[in-house]
Amino acid sequence: MCTHWPLHGANLSEGFVHTALLRAAARLVPFSERVVALLQSAPVAHFDESGIRVSSSLHWWTSPAPPI
């Protein structure tokens, strides 16, 4: 089965998309680990919550950040 990619008009297989996402996620691991380490070592961490509606259901997006 192919998934239509409307932005570029290309047909991409589910396997291709799955593999691309796995590779991208693996490459982000060092970055993610570094962000966690920096936040854990910060003297104060600020967490911001923003509400967002998805299909009429409210979800919360929590984003951590070091002090500005």
PDB file of N, CA and C in Angstrom:
ATOM      1  N   MET A   1       0.838  -1.186   0.000  1.00  0.00           N
ATOM      2  CA  MET A   1       0.000   0.000   0.000  1.00  0.00           C
ATOM      3  C   MET A   1       0.878   1.243   0.000  1.00  0.00           C
ATOM      4  N   CYS A   2       0.517   2.216  -0.783  1.00  0.00           N
ATOM      5  CA  CYS A   2       1.267   3.466  -0.846  1.00  0.00           C
ATOM      6  C   CYS A   2       0.480   4.580  -0.182  1.00  0.00           C
ATOM      7  N   THR A   3       1.204   5.446   0.456  1.00  0.00           N
ATOM      8  CA  THR A   3       0.602   6.620   1.060  1.00  0.00           C
ATOM      9  C   THR A   3       0.891   7.801   0.151  1.00  0.00           C
ATOM     10  N   HIS A   4      -0.131   8.561  -0.181  1.00  0.00           N
ATOM     11  CA  HIS A   4       0.055   9.717  -1.063  1.00  0.00           C
ATOM     12  C   HIS A   4       0.587  10.887  -0.245  1.00  0.00           C
ATOM     13  N   TRP A   5       1.639  11.492  -0.704  1.00  0.00           N
ATOM     14  CA  TRP A   5       2.252  12.642  -0.043  1.00  0.00           C
ATOM     15  C   TRP A   5       1.798  13.877  -0.809  1.00  0.00           C
ATOM     16  N   PRO A   6       0.746  14.579  -0.336  1.00  0.00           N
ATOM     17  CA  PRO A   6       0.136  15.640  -1.138  1.00  0.00           C
ATOM     18  C   PRO A   6       1.033  16.842  -1.418  1.00  0.00           C
ATOM     19  N   LEU A   7       2.003  17.099  -0.558  1.00  0.00           N
ATOM     20  CA  LEU A   7       2.846  18.274  -0.756  1.00  0.00           C
ATOM     21  C   LEU A   7       3.685  18.155  -2.025  1.00  0.00           C
ATOM     22  N   HIS A   8       4.191  16.969  -2.283  1.00  0.00           N
ATOM     23  CA  HIS A   8       5.072  16.783  -3.439  1.00  0.00           C
ATOM     24  C   HIS A   8       4.478  15.874  -4.505  1.00  0.00           C
ATOM     25  N   GLY A   9       3.353  15.247  -4.224  1.00  0.00           N
ATOM     26  CA  GLY A   9       2.726  14.376  -5.208  1.00  0.00           C
ATOM     27  C   GLY A   9       3.418  13.038  -5.372  1.00  0.00           C
ATOM     28  N   ALA A  10       4.266  12.650  -4.434  1.00  0.00           N
ATOM     29  CA  ALA A  10       4.988  11.381  -4.530  1.00  0.00           C
ATOM     30  C   ALA A  10       4.234  10.291  -3.785  1.00  0.00           C
ATOM     31  N   ASN A  11       4.333   9.077  -4.260  1.00  0.00           N
ATOM     32  CA  ASN A  11       3.765   7.933  -3.564  1.00  0.00           C
ATOM     33  C   ASN A  11       4.869   7.251  -2.778  1.00  0.00           C
ATOM     34  N   LEU A  12       4.699   7.195  -1.460  1.00  0.00           N
ATOM     35  CA  LEU A  12       5.703   6.598  -0.587  1.00  0.00           C
ATOM     36  C   LEU A  12       5.111   5.373   0.080  1.00  0.00           C
ATOM     37  N   SER A  13       5.876   4.295   0.103  1.00  0.00           N
ATOM     38  CA  SER A  13       5.375   3.096   0.760  1.00  0.00           C
ATOM     39  C   SER A  13       5.408   3.278   2.270  1.00  0.00           C
ATOM     40  N   GLU A  14       4.566   2.546   2.975  1.00  0.00           N
ATOM     41  CA  GLU A  14       4.551   2.607   4.427  1.00  0.00           C
ATOM     42  C   GLU A  14       5.905   2.189   4.994  1.00  0.00           C
ATOM     43  N   GLY A  15       6.542   1.222   4.366  1.00  0.00           N
ATOM     44  CA  GLY A  15       7.858   0.763   4.813  1.00  0.00           C
ATOM     45  C   GLY A  15       8.905   1.859   4.721  1.00  0.00           C
ATOM     46  N   PHE A  16       8.870   2.624   3.645  1.00  0.00           N
ATOM     47  CA  PHE A  16       9.813   3.728   3.484  1.00  0.00           C
ATOM     48  C   PHE A  16       9.615   4.775   4.571  1.00  0.00           C
ATOM     49  N   VAL A  17       8.353   5.157   4.798  1.00  0.00           N
ATOM     50  CA  VAL A  17       8.047   6.168   5.811  1.00  0.00           C
ATOM     51  C   VAL A  17       8.444   5.662   7.188  1.00  0.00           C
ATOM     52  N   HIS A  18       8.142   4.393   7.469  1.00  0.00           N
ATOM     53  CA  HIS A  18       8.496   3.802   8.764  1.00  0.00           C
ATOM     54  C   HIS A  18      10.009   3.828   8.981  1.00  0.00           C
ATOM     55  N   THR A  19      10.763   3.402   7.986  1.00  0.00           N
ATOM     56  CA  THR A  19      12.226   3.379   8.094  1.00  0.00           C
ATOM     57  C   THR A  19      12.788   4.793   8.234  1.00  0.00           C
ATOM     58  N   ALA A  20      12.254   5.738   7.481  1.00  0.00           N
ATOM     59  CA  ALA A  20      12.723   7.124   7.570  1.00  0.00           C
ATOM     60  C   ALA A  20      12.485   7.684   8.962  1.00  0.00           C
ATOM     61  N   LEU A  21      11.316   7.400   9.556  1.00  0.00           N
ATOM     62  CA  LEU A  21      11.024   7.873  10.909  1.00  0.00           C
ATOM     63  C   LEU A  21      11.947   7.229  11.938  1.00  0.00           C
ATOM     64  N   LEU A  22      12.206   5.925  11.802  1.00  0.00           N
ATOM     65  CA  LEU A  22      13.125   5.251  12.733  1.00  0.00           C
ATOM     66  C   LEU A  22      14.532   5.840  12.650  1.00  0.00           C
ATOM     67  N   ARG A  23      14.993   6.085  11.447  1.00  0.00           N
ATOM     68  CA  ARG A  23      16.333   6.657  11.270  1.00  0.00           C
ATOM     69  C   ARG A  23      16.415   8.072  11.843  1.00  0.00           C
ATOM     70  N   ALA A  24      15.387   8.864  11.594  1.00  0.00           N
ATOM     71  CA  ALA A  24      15.366  10.233  12.119  1.00  0.00           C
ATOM     72  C   ALA A  24      15.340  10.212  13.642  1.00  0.00           C
ATOM     73  N   ALA A  25      14.528   9.338  14.223  1.00  0.00           N
ATOM     74  CA  ALA A  25      14.441   9.240  15.684  1.00  0.00           C
ATOM     75  C   ALA A  25      15.785   8.820  16.272  1.00  0.00           C
ATOM     76  N   ALA A  26      16.451   7.881  15.644  1.00  0.00           N
ATOM     77  CA  ALA A  26      17.752   7.413  16.135  1.00  0.00           C
ATOM     78  C   ALA A  26      18.786   8.536  16.094  1.00  0.00           C
ATOM     79  N   ARG A  27      18.732   9.356  15.074  1.00  0.00           N
ATOM     80  CA  ARG A  27      19.699  10.460  14.963  1.00  0.00           C
ATOM     81  C   ARG A  27      19.424  11.565  15.970  1.00  0.00           C
ATOM     82  N   LEU A  28      18.199  11.630  16.499  1.00  0.00           N
ATOM     83  CA  LEU A  28      17.853  12.649  17.481  1.00  0.00           C
ATOM     84  C   LEU A  28      18.183  12.239  18.918  1.00  0.00           C
ATOM     85  N   VAL A  29      18.538  10.979  19.142  1.00  0.00           N
ATOM     86  CA  VAL A  29      18.830  10.510  20.499  1.00  0.00           C
ATOM     87  C   VAL A  29      19.931  11.325  21.172  1.00  0.00           C
ATOM     88  N   PRO A  30      21.099  11.556  20.561  1.00  0.00           N
ATOM     89  CA  PRO A  30      22.133  12.347  21.232  1.00  0.00           C
ATOM     90  C   PRO A  30      21.652  13.760  21.588  1.00  0.00           C
ATOM     91  N   PHE A  31      20.905  14.384  20.696  1.00  0.00           N
ATOM     92  CA  PHE A  31      20.362  15.720  20.964  1.00  0.00           C
ATOM     93  C   PHE A  31      19.413  15.684  22.156  1.00  0.00           C
ATOM     94  N   SER A  32      18.508  14.722  22.141  1.00  0.00           N
ATOM     95  CA  SER A  32      17.533  14.585  23.223  1.00  0.00           C
ATOM     96  C   SER A  32      18.226  14.351  24.564  1.00  0.00           C
ATOM     97  N   GLU A  33      19.227  13.490  24.579  1.00  0.00           N
ATOM     98  CA  GLU A  33      19.968  13.217  25.811  1.00  0.00           C
ATOM     99  C   GLU A  33      20.687  14.467  26.313  1.00  0.00           C
ATOM    100  N   ARG A  34      21.220  15.260  25.410  1.00  0.00           N
ATOM    101  CA  ARG A  34      21.913  16.492  25.792  1.00  0.00           C
ATOM    102  C   ARG A  34      20.931  17.506  26.381  1.00  0.00           C
ATOM    103  N   VAL A  35      19.761  17.644  25.772  1.00  0.00           N
ATOM    104  CA  VAL A  35      18.745  18.561  26.289  1.00  0.00           C
ATOM    105  C   VAL A  35      18.331  18.138  27.693  1.00  0.00           C
ATOM    106  N   VAL A  36      18.105  16.854  27.893  1.00  0.00           N
ATOM    107  CA  VAL A  36      17.725  16.359  29.226  1.00  0.00           C
ATOM    108  C   VAL A  36      18.820  16.667  30.239  1.00  0.00           C
ATOM    109  N   ALA A  37      20.072  16.409  29.879  1.00  0.00           N
ATOM    110  CA  ALA A  37      21.184  16.668  30.801  1.00  0.00           C
ATOM    111  C   ALA A  37      21.280  18.150  31.149  1.00  0.00           C
ATOM    112  N   LEU A  38      21.120  19.021  30.169  1.00  0.00           N
ATOM    113  CA  LEU A  38      21.179  20.461  30.431  1.00  0.00           C
ATOM    114  C   LEU A  38      20.042  20.915  31.336  1.00  0.00           C
ATOM    115  N   LEU A  39      18.849  20.395  31.092  1.00  0.00           N
ATOM    116  CA  LEU A  39      17.713  20.770  31.933  1.00  0.00           C
ATOM    117  C   LEU A  39      17.883  20.254  33.363  1.00  0.00           C
ATOM    118  N   GLN A  40      18.416  19.037  33.496  1.00  0.00           N
ATOM    119  CA  GLN A  40      18.610  18.479  34.835  1.00  0.00           C
ATOM    120  C   GLN A  40      19.686  19.222  35.611  1.00  0.00           C
ATOM    121  N   SER A  41      20.644  19.794  34.923  1.00  0.00           N
ATOM    122  CA  SER A  41      21.729  20.497  35.619  1.00  0.00           C
ATOM    123  C   SER A  41      21.439  21.995  35.807  1.00  0.00           C
ATOM    124  N   ALA A  42      20.358  22.479  35.223  1.00  0.00           N
ATOM    125  CA  ALA A  42      20.007  23.899  35.365  1.00  0.00           C
ATOM    126  C   ALA A  42      19.563  24.160  36.806  1.00  0.00           C
ATOM    127  N   PRO A  43      19.945  25.325  37.361  1.00  0.00           N
ATOM    128  CA  PRO A  43      19.550  25.622  38.735  1.00  0.00           C
ATOM    129  C   PRO A  43      18.030  25.755  38.891  1.00  0.00           C
ATOM    130  N   VAL A  44      17.356  26.212  37.864  1.00  0.00           N
ATOM    131  CA  VAL A  44      15.901  26.346  37.867  1.00  0.00           C
ATOM    132  C   VAL A  44      15.412  25.965  36.473  1.00  0.00           C
ATOM    133  N   ALA A  45      14.369  25.192  36.430  1.00  0.00           N
ATOM    134  CA  ALA A  45      13.777  24.855  35.132  1.00  0.00           C
ATOM    135  C   ALA A  45      12.366  25.424  35.083  1.00  0.00           C
ATOM    136  N   HIS A  46      12.015  25.950  33.949  1.00  0.00           N
ATOM    137  CA  HIS A  46      10.691  26.519  33.746  1.00  0.00           C
ATOM    138  C   HIS A  46       9.919  25.568  32.835  1.00  0.00           C
ATOM    139  N   PHE A  47       8.696  25.238  33.234  1.00  0.00           N
ATOM    140  CA  PHE A  47       7.848  24.385  32.415  1.00  0.00           C
ATOM    141  C   PHE A  47       6.602  25.170  32.037  1.00  0.00           C
ATOM    142  N   ASP A  48       6.292  25.164  30.765  1.00  0.00           N
ATOM    143  CA  ASP A  48       5.142  25.899  30.269  1.00  0.00           C
ATOM    144  C   ASP A  48       4.125  24.904  29.722  1.00  0.00           C
ATOM    145  N   GLU A  49       2.866  25.112  30.034  1.00  0.00           N
ATOM    146  CA  GLU A  49       1.802  24.269  29.504  1.00  0.00           C
ATOM    147  C   GLU A  49       0.885  25.097  28.629  1.00  0.00           C
ATOM    148  N   SER A  50       0.583  24.565  27.485  1.00  0.00           N
ATOM    149  CA  SER A  50      -0.354  25.203  26.573  1.00  0.00           C
ATOM    150  C   SER A  50      -1.401  24.178  26.172  1.00  0.00           C
ATOM    151  N   GLY A  51      -2.654  24.590  26.179  1.00  0.00           N
ATOM    152  CA  GLY A  51      -3.724  23.709  25.752  1.00  0.00           C
ATOM    153  C   GLY A  51      -3.887  23.740  24.248  1.00  0.00           C
ATOM    154  N   ILE A  52      -4.197  22.590  23.676  1.00  0.00           N
ATOM    155  CA  ILE A  52      -4.443  22.504  22.239  1.00  0.00           C
ATOM    156  C   ILE A  52      -5.593  21.530  22.004  1.00  0.00           C
ATOM    157  N   ARG A  53      -6.481  21.891  21.108  1.00  0.00           N
ATOM    158  CA  ARG A  53      -7.611  21.012  20.800  1.00  0.00           C
ATOM    159  C   ARG A  53      -7.293  20.163  19.577  1.00  0.00           C
ATOM    160  N   VAL A  54      -7.547  18.863  19.720  1.00  0.00           N
ATOM    161  CA  VAL A  54      -7.388  17.914  18.628  1.00  0.00           C
ATOM    162  C   VAL A  54      -8.682  17.132  18.528  1.00  0.00           C
ATOM    163  N   SER A  55      -9.367  17.263  17.418  1.00  0.00           N
ATOM    164  CA  SER A  55     -10.654  16.581  17.218  1.00  0.00           C
ATOM    165  C   SER A  55     -11.604  16.846  18.378  1.00  0.00           C
ATOM    166  N   SER A  56     -11.755  18.096  18.751  1.00  0.00           N
ATOM    167  CA  SER A  56     -12.657  18.551  19.822  1.00  0.00           C
ATOM    168  C   SER A  56     -12.256  18.089  21.210  1.00  0.00           C
ATOM    169  N   SER A  57     -11.077  17.517  21.359  1.00  0.00           N
ATOM    170  CA  SER A  57     -10.603  17.055  22.666  1.00  0.00           C
ATOM    171  C   SER A  57      -9.409  17.908  23.092  1.00  0.00           C
ATOM    172  N   LEU A  58      -9.414  18.361  24.347  1.00  0.00           N
ATOM    173  CA  LEU A  58      -8.331  19.211  24.843  1.00  0.00           C
ATOM    174  C   LEU A  58      -7.137  18.364  25.277  1.00  0.00           C
ATOM    175  N   HIS A  59      -5.978  18.708  24.776  1.00  0.00           N
ATOM    176  CA  HIS A  59      -4.722  18.056  25.146  1.00  0.00           C
ATOM    177  C   HIS A  59      -3.776  19.133  25.658  1.00  0.00           C
ATOM    178  N   TRP A  60      -2.811  18.735  26.494  1.00  0.00           N
ATOM    179  CA  TRP A  60      -1.846  19.691  27.041  1.00  0.00           C
ATOM    180  C   TRP A  60      -0.469  19.421  26.493  1.00  0.00           C
ATOM    181  N   TRP A  61       0.181  20.478  26.050  1.00  0.00           N
ATOM    182  CA  TRP A  61       1.553  20.434  25.540  1.00  0.00           C
ATOM    183  C   TRP A  61       2.419  21.060  26.621  1.00  0.00           C
ATOM    184  N   THR A  62       3.308  20.269  27.208  1.00  0.00           N
ATOM    185  CA  THR A  62       4.192  20.752  28.247  1.00  0.00           C
ATOM    186  C   THR A  62       5.597  20.848  27.672  1.00  0.00           C
ATOM    187  N   SER A  63       6.199  22.024  27.793  1.00  0.00           N
ATOM    188  CA  SER A  63       7.543  22.206  27.243  1.00  0.00           C
ATOM    189  C   SER A  63       8.485  22.731  28.326  1.00  0.00           C
ATOM    190  N   PRO A  64       9.550  21.981  28.609  1.00  0.00           N
ATOM    191  CA  PRO A  64      10.526  22.449  29.596  1.00  0.00           C
ATOM    192  C   PRO A  64      11.538  23.389  28.946  1.00  0.00           C
ATOM    193  N   ALA A  65      12.019  24.336  29.724  1.00  0.00           N
ATOM    194  CA  ALA A  65      13.023  25.274  29.218  1.00  0.00           C
ATOM    195  C   ALA A  65      13.841  25.813  30.378  1.00  0.00           C
ATOM    196  N   PRO A  66      15.120  26.034  30.169  1.00  0.00           N
ATOM    197  CA  PRO A  66      15.923  26.655  31.226  1.00  0.00           C
ATOM    198  C   PRO A  66      15.522  28.126  31.378  1.00  0.00           C
ATOM    199  N   PRO A  67      15.854  28.743  32.475  1.00  0.00           N
ATOM    200  CA  PRO A  67      15.494  30.152  32.647  1.00  0.00           C
ATOM    201  C   PRO A  67      16.134  31.016  31.576  1.00  0.00           C
ATOM    202  N   ILE A  68      15.424  32.056  31.183  1.00  0.00           N
ATOM    203  CA  ILE A  68      15.922  32.963  30.130  1.00  0.00           C
ATOM    204  C   ILE A  68      16.838  34.003  30.764  1.00  0.00           C
TER     205      ILE A  68
END
